[in-house]
PDB file of N, CA and C in Angstrom:
ATOM      1  N   MET A   1       0.896  -1.230  -0.026  1.00  0.00           N
ATOM      2  CA  MET A   1      -0.010   0.015  -0.010  1.00  0.00           C
ATOM      3  C   MET A   1       0.852   1.258  -0.023  1.00  0.00           C
ATOM      4  N   GLY A   2       2.200   1.107   0.111  1.00  0.00           N
ATOM      5  CA  GLY A   2       2.914   2.275   0.238  1.00  0.00           C
ATOM      6  C   GLY A   2       3.047   2.949   1.564  1.00  0.00           C
ATOM      7  N   ASN A   3       3.599   4.196   1.746  1.00  0.00           N
ATOM      8  CA  ASN A   3       3.564   4.793   3.146  1.00  0.00           C
ATOM      9  C   ASN A   3       2.410   5.141   3.514  1.00  0.00           C
ATOM     10  N   LYS A   4       1.882   4.818   4.774  1.00  0.00           N
ATOM     11  CA  LYS A   4       0.677   5.212   5.245  1.00  0.00           C
ATOM     12  C   LYS A   4       0.682   6.566   5.934  1.00  0.00           C
ATOM     13  N   ILE A   5      -0.398   7.453   5.746  1.00  0.00           N
ATOM     14  CA  ILE A   5      -0.633   8.795   6.251  1.00  0.00           C
ATOM     15  C   ILE A   5      -1.943   8.787   6.724  1.00  0.00           C
ATOM     16  N   LEU A   6      -2.171   9.689   7.642  1.00  0.00           N
ATOM     17  CA  LEU A   6      -3.527   9.860   8.166  1.00  0.00           C
ATOM     18  C   LEU A   6      -4.011  11.444   7.571  1.00  0.00           C
ATOM     19  N   TYR A   7      -5.272  11.467   7.351  1.00  0.00           N
ATOM     20  CA  TYR A   7      -5.990  12.550   6.910  1.00  0.00           C
ATOM     21  C   TYR A   7      -6.936  12.872   7.901  1.00  0.00           C
ATOM     22  N   ARG A   8      -7.046  14.071   8.507  1.00  0.00           N
ATOM     23  CA  ARG A   8      -8.093  14.556   9.326  1.00  0.00           C
ATOM     24  C   ARG A   8      -9.148  15.336   8.367  1.00  0.00           C
ATOM     25  N   ILE A   9     -10.214  14.832   8.148  1.00  0.00           N
ATOM     26  CA  ILE A   9     -11.069  15.514   7.271  1.00  0.00           C
ATOM     27  C   ILE A   9     -12.426  16.187   7.913  1.00  0.00           C
ATOM     28  N   ARG A  10     -12.694  17.356   7.535  1.00  0.00           N
ATOM     29  CA  ARG A  10     -14.064  17.981   8.013  1.00  0.00           C
ATOM     30  C   ARG A  10     -14.781  18.247   6.901  1.00  0.00           C
ATOM     31  N   VAL A  11     -16.014  17.618   6.940  1.00  0.00           N
ATOM     32  CA  VAL A  11     -17.042  18.019   5.686  1.00  0.00           C
ATOM     33  C   VAL A  11     -18.031  18.908   6.272  1.00  0.00           C
ATOM     34  N   TYR A  12     -18.181  20.049   5.644  1.00  0.00           N
ATOM     35  CA  TYR A  12     -19.302  21.027   6.069  1.00  0.00           C
ATOM     36  C   TYR A  12     -20.400  21.084   5.016  1.00  0.00           C
ATOM     37  N   GLY A  13     -21.660  21.322   5.418  1.00  0.00           N
ATOM     38  CA  GLY A  13     -22.744  21.554   4.579  1.00  0.00           C
ATOM     39  C   GLY A  13     -23.902  20.798   5.135  1.00  0.00           C
ATOM     40  N   PHE A  14     -24.842  20.291   4.459  1.00  0.00           N
ATOM     41  CA  PHE A  14     -26.039  19.524   4.774  1.00  0.00           C
ATOM     42  C   PHE A  14     -25.511  18.200   4.719  1.00  0.00           C
ATOM     43  N   VAL A  15     -24.815  17.696   5.741  1.00  0.00           N
ATOM     44  CA  VAL A  15     -24.238  16.235   5.599  1.00  0.00           C
ATOM     45  C   VAL A  15     -24.668  15.382   6.966  1.00  0.00           C
ATOM     46  N   GLN A  16     -25.549  15.777   7.686  1.00  0.00           N
ATOM     47  CA  GLN A  16     -26.114  15.120   8.744  1.00  0.00           C
ATOM     48  C   GLN A  16     -27.567  14.653   8.515  1.00  0.00           C
ATOM     49  N   GLY A  17     -27.822  13.443   8.975  1.00  0.00           N
ATOM     50  CA  GLY A  17     -29.158  12.974   8.611  1.00  0.00           C
ATOM     51  C   GLY A  17     -29.445  12.670   7.177  1.00  0.00           C
ATOM     52  N   VAL A  18     -28.323  12.361   6.386  1.00  0.00           N
ATOM     53  CA  VAL A  18     -28.609  11.844   4.861  1.00  0.00           C
ATOM     54  C   VAL A  18     -27.831  10.752   4.611  1.00  0.00           C
ATOM     55  N   GLY A  19     -27.206  10.083   5.571  1.00  0.00           N
ATOM     56  CA  GLY A  19     -26.495   8.808   5.339  1.00  0.00           C
ATOM     57  C   GLY A  19     -25.077   9.070   4.905  1.00  0.00           C
ATOM     58  N   PHE A  20     -24.414  10.260   5.241  1.00  0.00           N
ATOM     59  CA  PHE A  20     -23.130  10.356   5.033  1.00  0.00           C
ATOM     60  C   PHE A  20     -22.178   9.662   5.737  1.00  0.00           C
ATOM     61  N   ARG A  21     -22.411   9.393   6.959  1.00  0.00           N
ATOM     62  CA  ARG A  21     -21.352   8.443   7.713  1.00  0.00           C
ATOM     63  C   ARG A  21     -21.434   7.069   7.176  1.00  0.00           C
ATOM     64  N   TRP A  22     -22.703   6.598   6.979  1.00  0.00           N
ATOM     65  CA  TRP A  22     -22.707   5.161   6.596  1.00  0.00           C
ATOM     66  C   TRP A  22     -22.120   5.087   5.170  1.00  0.00           C
ATOM     67  N   ASN A  23     -22.522   5.938   4.329  1.00  0.00           N
ATOM     68  CA  ASN A  23     -21.677   5.895   2.970  1.00  0.00           C
ATOM     69  C   ASN A  23     -20.364   6.100   3.016  1.00  0.00           C
ATOM     70  N   ALA A  24     -19.788   7.030   3.893  1.00  0.00           N
ATOM     71  CA  ALA A  24     -18.384   7.313   3.975  1.00  0.00           C
ATOM     72  C   ALA A  24     -17.517   5.943   4.381  1.00  0.00           C
ATOM     73  N   ALA A  25     -18.214   5.330   5.386  1.00  0.00           N
ATOM     74  CA  ALA A  25     -17.727   4.111   5.880  1.00  0.00           C
ATOM     75  C   ALA A  25     -17.548   2.991   4.835  1.00  0.00           C
ATOM     76  N   ARG A  26     -18.610   3.013   4.036  1.00  0.00           N
ATOM     77  CA  ARG A  26     -18.795   1.875   2.820  1.00  0.00           C
ATOM     78  C   ARG A  26     -17.692   2.159   1.921  1.00  0.00           C
ATOM     79  N   GLU A  27     -17.473   3.510   1.560  1.00  0.00           N
ATOM     80  CA  GLU A  27     -16.555   3.982   0.591  1.00  0.00           C
ATOM     81  C   GLU A  27     -15.111   3.672   1.046  1.00  0.00           C
ATOM     82  N   ALA A  28     -14.950   4.148   2.240  1.00  0.00           N
ATOM     83  CA  ALA A  28     -13.533   3.726   2.798  1.00  0.00           C
ATOM     84  C   ALA A  28     -13.133   2.376   2.871  1.00  0.00           C
ATOM     85  N   ARG A  29     -14.078   1.632   3.230  1.00  0.00           N
ATOM     86  CA  ARG A  29     -13.664   0.253   3.266  1.00  0.00           C
ATOM     87  C   ARG A  29     -13.649  -0.359   1.850  1.00  0.00           C
ATOM     88  N   ARG A  30     -14.273   0.160   0.846  1.00  0.00           N
ATOM     89  CA  ARG A  30     -14.143  -0.271  -0.635  1.00  0.00           C
ATOM     90  C   ARG A  30     -12.740   0.077  -1.030  1.00  0.00           C
ATOM     91  N   ILE A  31     -12.248   1.365  -0.642  1.00  0.00           N
ATOM     92  CA  ILE A  31     -10.984   1.842  -1.099  1.00  0.00           C
ATOM     93  C   ILE A  31      -9.894   1.235  -0.268  1.00  0.00           C
ATOM     94  N   GLY A  32     -10.147   0.571   0.830  1.00  0.00           N
ATOM     95  CA  GLY A  32      -9.068   0.061   1.852  1.00  0.00           C
ATOM     96  C   GLY A  32      -8.618   1.040   2.709  1.00  0.00           C
ATOM     97  N   ILE A  33      -9.409   1.943   3.320  1.00  0.00           N
ATOM     98  CA  ILE A  33      -8.982   2.999   4.370  1.00  0.00           C
ATOM     99  C   ILE A  33      -9.466   2.421   5.648  1.00  0.00           C
ATOM    100  N   ALA A  34      -8.503   2.754   6.552  1.00  0.00           N
ATOM    101  CA  ALA A  34      -8.919   2.404   8.055  1.00  0.00           C
ATOM    102  C   ALA A  34      -9.126   3.872   8.743  1.00  0.00           C
ATOM    103  N   GLY A  35      -9.963   3.816   9.770  1.00  0.00           N
ATOM    104  CA  GLY A  35     -10.168   5.113  10.537  1.00  0.00           C
ATOM    105  C   GLY A  35     -11.526   5.165  11.182  1.00  0.00           C
ATOM    106  N   HIS A  36     -12.127   6.427  11.143  1.00  0.00           N
ATOM    107  CA  HIS A  36     -13.619   6.483  11.720  1.00  0.00           C
ATOM    108  C   HIS A  36     -14.217   7.803  11.210  1.00  0.00           C
ATOM    109  N   VAL A  37     -15.553   7.763  11.294  1.00  0.00           N
ATOM    110  CA  VAL A  37     -16.290   8.852  11.002  1.00  0.00           C
ATOM    111  C   VAL A  37     -17.312   9.155  12.129  1.00  0.00           C
ATOM    112  N   ARG A  38     -17.594  10.508  12.249  1.00  0.00           N
ATOM    113  CA  ARG A  38     -18.592  10.870  13.293  1.00  0.00           C
ATOM    114  C   ARG A  38     -19.112  12.226  12.938  1.00  0.00           C
ATOM    115  N   ASN A  39     -20.381  12.427  13.537  1.00  0.00           N
ATOM    116  CA  ASN A  39     -21.007  13.722  13.207  1.00  0.00           C
ATOM    117  C   ASN A  39     -20.556  14.686  14.539  1.00  0.00           C
ATOM    118  N   MET A  40     -20.400  15.908  14.108  1.00  0.00           N
ATOM    119  CA  MET A  40     -19.883  16.891  15.066  1.00  0.00           C
ATOM    120  C   MET A  40     -20.922  17.738  15.427  1.00  0.00           C
ATOM    121  N   PRO A  41     -21.049  18.325  16.640  1.00  0.00           N
ATOM    122  CA  PRO A  41     -22.162  19.246  17.264  1.00  0.00           C
ATOM    123  C   PRO A  41     -22.452  20.463  16.329  1.00  0.00           C
ATOM    124  N   ASP A  42     -21.478  20.891  15.579  1.00  0.00           N
ATOM    125  CA  ASP A  42     -21.681  22.162  14.565  1.00  0.00           C
ATOM    126  C   ASP A  42     -22.256  21.823  13.324  1.00  0.00           C
ATOM    127  N   GLY A  43     -22.731  20.479  13.218  1.00  0.00           N
ATOM    128  CA  GLY A  43     -23.398  19.963  12.011  1.00  0.00           C
ATOM    129  C   GLY A  43     -22.434  19.533  10.901  1.00  0.00           C
ATOM    130  N   SER A  44     -21.348  19.431  11.297  1.00  0.00           N
ATOM    131  CA  SER A  44     -20.262  19.044  10.095  1.00  0.00           C
ATOM    132  C   SER A  44     -20.091  17.408  10.459  1.00  0.00           C
ATOM    133  N   VAL A  45     -19.115  16.680   9.633  1.00  0.00           N
ATOM    134  CA  VAL A  45     -18.825  15.426   9.821  1.00  0.00           C
ATOM    135  C   VAL A  45     -17.297  15.453   9.858  1.00  0.00           C
ATOM    136  N   TYR A  46     -16.849  14.602  10.910  1.00  0.00           N
ATOM    137  CA  TYR A  46     -15.328  14.619  11.140  1.00  0.00           C
ATOM    138  C   TYR A  46     -14.922  13.246  10.630  1.00  0.00           C
ATOM    139  N   ILE A  47     -13.794  13.227  10.000  1.00  0.00           N
ATOM    140  CA  ILE A  47     -13.285  11.724   9.615  1.00  0.00           C
ATOM    141  C   ILE A  47     -11.828  11.760   9.897  1.00  0.00           C
ATOM    142  N   GLU A  48     -11.467  10.646  10.345  1.00  0.00           N
ATOM    143  CA  GLU A  48     -10.042  10.209  10.334  1.00  0.00           C
ATOM    144  C   GLU A  48      -9.783   9.136   9.480  1.00  0.00           C
ATOM    145  N   ALA A  49      -8.910   9.344   8.452  1.00  0.00           N
ATOM    146  CA  ALA A  49      -8.788   8.289   7.397  1.00  0.00           C
ATOM    147  C   ALA A  49      -7.348   8.034   7.269  1.00  0.00           C
ATOM    148  N   GLU A  50      -6.916   6.568   7.055  1.00  0.00           N
ATOM    149  CA  GLU A  50      -5.584   6.274   7.041  1.00  0.00           C
ATOM    150  C   GLU A  50      -5.437   5.409   6.018  1.00  0.00           C
ATOM    151  N   GLY A  51      -4.357   5.736   5.300  1.00  0.00           N
ATOM    152  CA  GLY A  51      -4.152   4.815   4.054  1.00  0.00           C
ATOM    153  C   GLY A  51      -2.972   5.531   3.324  1.00  0.00           C
ATOM    154  N   SER A  52      -2.813   5.100   1.996  1.00  0.00           N
ATOM    155  CA  SER A  52      -1.675   5.640   1.112  1.00  0.00           C
ATOM    156  C   SER A  52      -2.157   7.138   0.613  1.00  0.00           C
ATOM    157  N   ARG A  53      -1.448   7.906   0.127  1.00  0.00           N
ATOM    158  CA  ARG A  53      -1.887   9.219  -0.396  1.00  0.00           C
ATOM    159  C   ARG A  53      -2.838   9.112  -1.424  1.00  0.00           C
ATOM    160  N   GLU A  54      -2.583   8.060  -2.268  1.00  0.00           N
ATOM    161  CA  GLU A  54      -3.477   7.915  -3.493  1.00  0.00           C
ATOM    162  C   GLU A  54      -4.855   7.422  -3.034  1.00  0.00           C
ATOM    163  N   GLN A  55      -5.009   6.479  -2.051  1.00  0.00           N
ATOM    164  CA  GLN A  55      -6.322   6.086  -1.425  1.00  0.00           C
ATOM    165  C   GLN A  55      -6.971   7.476  -0.913  1.00  0.00           C
ATOM    166  N   LEU A  56      -6.150   7.989  -0.088  1.00  0.00           N
ATOM    167  CA  LEU A  56      -6.943   9.325   0.702  1.00  0.00           C
ATOM    168  C   LEU A  56      -7.264  10.377  -0.223  1.00  0.00           C
ATOM    169  N   GLU A  57      -6.634  10.663  -1.298  1.00  0.00           N
ATOM    170  CA  GLU A  57      -6.897  11.682  -2.326  1.00  0.00           C
ATOM    171  C   GLU A  57      -8.299  11.115  -3.121  1.00  0.00           C
ATOM    172  N   LYS A  58      -8.350   9.808  -3.312  1.00  0.00           N
ATOM    173  CA  LYS A  58      -9.496   9.336  -3.937  1.00  0.00           C
ATOM    174  C   LYS A  58     -10.739   9.426  -3.146  1.00  0.00           C
ATOM    175  N   PHE A  59     -10.694   9.196  -1.673  1.00  0.00           N
ATOM    176  CA  PHE A  59     -11.551   9.220  -0.645  1.00  0.00           C
ATOM    177  C   PHE A  59     -11.918  10.655  -0.420  1.00  0.00           C
ATOM    178  N   THR A  60     -11.007  11.564  -0.383  1.00  0.00           N
ATOM    179  CA  THR A  60     -11.304  13.157  -0.252  1.00  0.00           C
ATOM    180  C   THR A  60     -12.161  13.565  -1.353  1.00  0.00           C
ATOM    181  N   GLU A  61     -11.843  13.021  -2.707  1.00  0.00           N
ATOM    182  CA  GLU A  61     -12.802  13.446  -3.764  1.00  0.00           C
ATOM    183  C   GLU A  61     -14.041  12.889  -3.583  1.00  0.00           C
ATOM    184  N   TRP A  62     -14.234  11.773  -2.985  1.00  0.00           N
ATOM    185  CA  TRP A  62     -15.688  11.186  -2.822  1.00  0.00           C
ATOM    186  C   TRP A  62     -16.361  12.101  -1.879  1.00  0.00           C
ATOM    187  N   CYS A  63     -15.651  12.516  -0.736  1.00  0.00           N
ATOM    188  CA  CYS A  63     -16.153  13.409   0.342  1.00  0.00           C
ATOM    189  C   CYS A  63     -16.844  14.641  -0.332  1.00  0.00           C
ATOM    190  N   ARG A  64     -16.101  15.204  -1.330  1.00  0.00           N
ATOM    191  CA  ARG A  64     -16.650  16.336  -1.979  1.00  0.00           C
ATOM    192  C   ARG A  64     -18.064  16.220  -2.657  1.00  0.00           C
ATOM    193  N   GLU A  65     -18.167  15.063  -3.128  1.00  0.00           N
ATOM    194  CA  GLU A  65     -19.524  14.506  -3.747  1.00  0.00           C
ATOM    195  C   GLU A  65     -20.456  13.919  -2.887  1.00  0.00           C
ATOM    196  N   GLY A  66     -19.977  13.419  -1.768  1.00  0.00           N
ATOM    197  CA  GLY A  66     -20.929  12.557  -0.868  1.00  0.00           C
ATOM    198  C   GLY A  66     -22.375  12.919  -0.831  1.00  0.00           C
ATOM    199  N   PRO A  67     -23.202  12.101  -0.239  1.00  0.00           N
ATOM    200  CA  PRO A  67     -24.676  12.337   0.028  1.00  0.00           C
ATOM    201  C   PRO A  67     -24.888  13.573   0.687  1.00  0.00           C
ATOM    202  N   GLY A  68     -26.052  14.241   0.515  1.00  0.00           N
ATOM    203  CA  GLY A  68     -26.269  15.493   1.102  1.00  0.00           C
ATOM    204  C   GLY A  68     -25.716  16.749   0.230  1.00  0.00           C
ATOM    205  N   TYR A  69     -25.588  17.879   0.817  1.00  0.00           N
ATOM    206  CA  TYR A  69     -25.057  18.906   0.063  1.00  0.00           C
ATOM    207  C   TYR A  69     -23.658  19.433   0.812  1.00  0.00           C
ATOM    208  N   VAL A  70     -22.608  19.033   0.160  1.00  0.00           N
ATOM    209  CA  VAL A  70     -21.438  19.400   0.519  1.00  0.00           C
ATOM    210  C   VAL A  70     -20.986  20.836   0.149  1.00  0.00           C
ATOM    211  N   GLU A  71     -20.720  21.680   1.096  1.00  0.00           N
ATOM    212  CA  GLU A  71     -20.339  22.989   0.932  1.00  0.00           C
ATOM    213  C   GLU A  71     -18.711  23.048   0.827  1.00  0.00           C
ATOM    214  N   SER A  72     -18.054  22.438   1.645  1.00  0.00           N
ATOM    215  CA  SER A  72     -16.649  22.398   1.741  1.00  0.00           C
ATOM    216  C   SER A  72     -16.048  21.244   2.501  1.00  0.00           C
ATOM    217  N   VAL A  73     -14.740  20.971   2.166  1.00  0.00           N
ATOM    218  CA  VAL A  73     -13.979  19.748   2.738  1.00  0.00           C
ATOM    219  C   VAL A  73     -12.728  20.314   3.084  1.00  0.00           C
ATOM    220  N   GLU A  74     -12.371  20.224   4.419  1.00  0.00           N
ATOM    221  CA  GLU A  74     -10.964  20.573   4.757  1.00  0.00           C
ATOM    222  C   GLU A  74     -10.192  19.379   5.056  1.00  0.00           C
ATOM    223  N   THR A  75      -8.989  19.351   4.780  1.00  0.00           N
ATOM    224  CA  THR A  75      -8.177  18.197   5.136  1.00  0.00           C
ATOM    225  C   THR A  75      -6.767  18.544   5.814  1.00  0.00           C
ATOM    226  N   GLU A  76      -6.311  17.864   6.608  1.00  0.00           N
ATOM    227  CA  GLU A  76      -4.957  17.998   7.287  1.00  0.00           C
ATOM    228  C   GLU A  76      -4.359  16.679   7.370  1.00  0.00           C
ATOM    229  N   SER A  77      -3.053  16.659   6.843  1.00  0.00           N
ATOM    230  CA  SER A  77      -2.392  15.308   6.974  1.00  0.00           C
ATOM    231  C   SER A  77      -1.725  15.264   8.315  1.00  0.00           C
ATOM    232  N   SER A  78      -1.461  13.982   8.846  1.00  0.00           N
ATOM    233  CA  SER A  78      -0.754  13.743  10.101  1.00  0.00           C
ATOM    234  C   SER A  78      -0.154  12.388  10.087  1.00  0.00           C
ATOM    235  N   VAL A  79       0.505  12.060  11.221  1.00  0.00           N
ATOM    236  CA  VAL A  79       1.135  10.746  11.318  1.00  0.00           C
ATOM    237  C   VAL A  79       0.159   9.613  11.538  1.00  0.00           C
ATOM    238  N   PRO A  80       0.225   8.576  10.908  1.00  0.00           N
ATOM    239  CA  PRO A  80      -0.816   7.507  11.102  1.00  0.00           C
ATOM    240  C   PRO A  80      -0.808   6.972  12.626  1.00  0.00           C
ATOM    241  N   VAL A  81      -1.859   6.450  13.034  1.00  0.00           N
ATOM    242  CA  VAL A  81      -2.046   5.883  14.257  1.00  0.00           C
ATOM    243  C   VAL A  81      -2.319   4.415  14.246  1.00  0.00           C
ATOM    244  N   ASN A  82      -2.451   3.894  13.159  1.00  0.00           N
ATOM    245  CA  ASN A  82      -2.490   2.495  12.794  1.00  0.00           C
ATOM    246  C   ASN A  82      -3.759   1.932  13.126  1.00  0.00           C
ATOM    247  N   TYR A  83      -4.868   2.442  12.658  1.00  0.00           N
ATOM    248  CA  TYR A  83      -6.167   1.970  12.641  1.00  0.00           C
ATOM    249  C   TYR A  83      -6.196   0.572  11.929  1.00  0.00           C
ATOM    250  N   ARG A  84      -7.020  -0.145  12.527  1.00  0.00           N
ATOM    251  CA  ARG A  84      -7.185  -1.558  11.935  1.00  0.00           C
ATOM    252  C   ARG A  84      -8.393  -1.730  11.011  1.00  0.00           C
ATOM    253  N   ASP A  85      -9.389  -1.009  11.171  1.00  0.00           N
ATOM    254  CA  ASP A  85     -10.673  -1.002  10.299  1.00  0.00           C
ATOM    255  C   ASP A  85     -11.258   0.495  10.291  1.00  0.00           C
ATOM    256  N   PHE A  86     -12.357   0.443   9.703  1.00  0.00           N
ATOM    257  CA  PHE A  86     -13.069   1.866   9.649  1.00  0.00           C
ATOM    258  C   PHE A  86     -14.345   1.627  10.327  1.00  0.00           C
ATOM    259  N   LYS A  87     -14.623   2.440  11.296  1.00  0.00           N
ATOM    260  CA  LYS A  87     -15.831   2.543  12.191  1.00  0.00           C
ATOM    261  C   LYS A  87     -16.578   3.815  12.038  1.00  0.00           C
ATOM    262  N   ILE A  88     -17.990   3.687  12.326  1.00  0.00           N
ATOM    263  CA  ILE A  88     -18.782   4.757  12.433  1.00  0.00           C
ATOM    264  C   ILE A  88     -18.970   5.049  13.977  1.00  0.00           C
ATOM    265  N   ILE A  89     -18.677   6.196  14.429  1.00  0.00           N
ATOM    266  CA  ILE A  89     -18.695   6.628  15.935  1.00  0.00           C
ATOM    267  C   ILE A  89     -20.186   7.237  16.104  1.00  0.00           C
ATOM    268  N   HIS A  90     -20.904   6.813  17.012  1.00  0.00           N
ATOM    269  CA  HIS A  90     -22.199   7.453  17.119  1.00  0.00           C
ATOM    270  C   HIS A  90     -22.248   8.380  18.348  1.00  0.00           C
TER     271      HIS A  90
END
């Protein structure tokens, strides 16, 4: 898979109550990314996604189109923490 990195992703817009977390988890697993996704009190969705840069760029592009109405996506790269799978945090 190459060198692993971690992306911290915030997705803003109308992204809660539209299946964004469930679809993000499905897409992450399909691409081979580990991490987690959760709703935030401000209405955004927060994702920690770990994989190769190529996988993470593909996933970030998906986030820009995801279900609901995505206004913006912010990403920050970081050191991986070695997630084993991808989970939805409630």
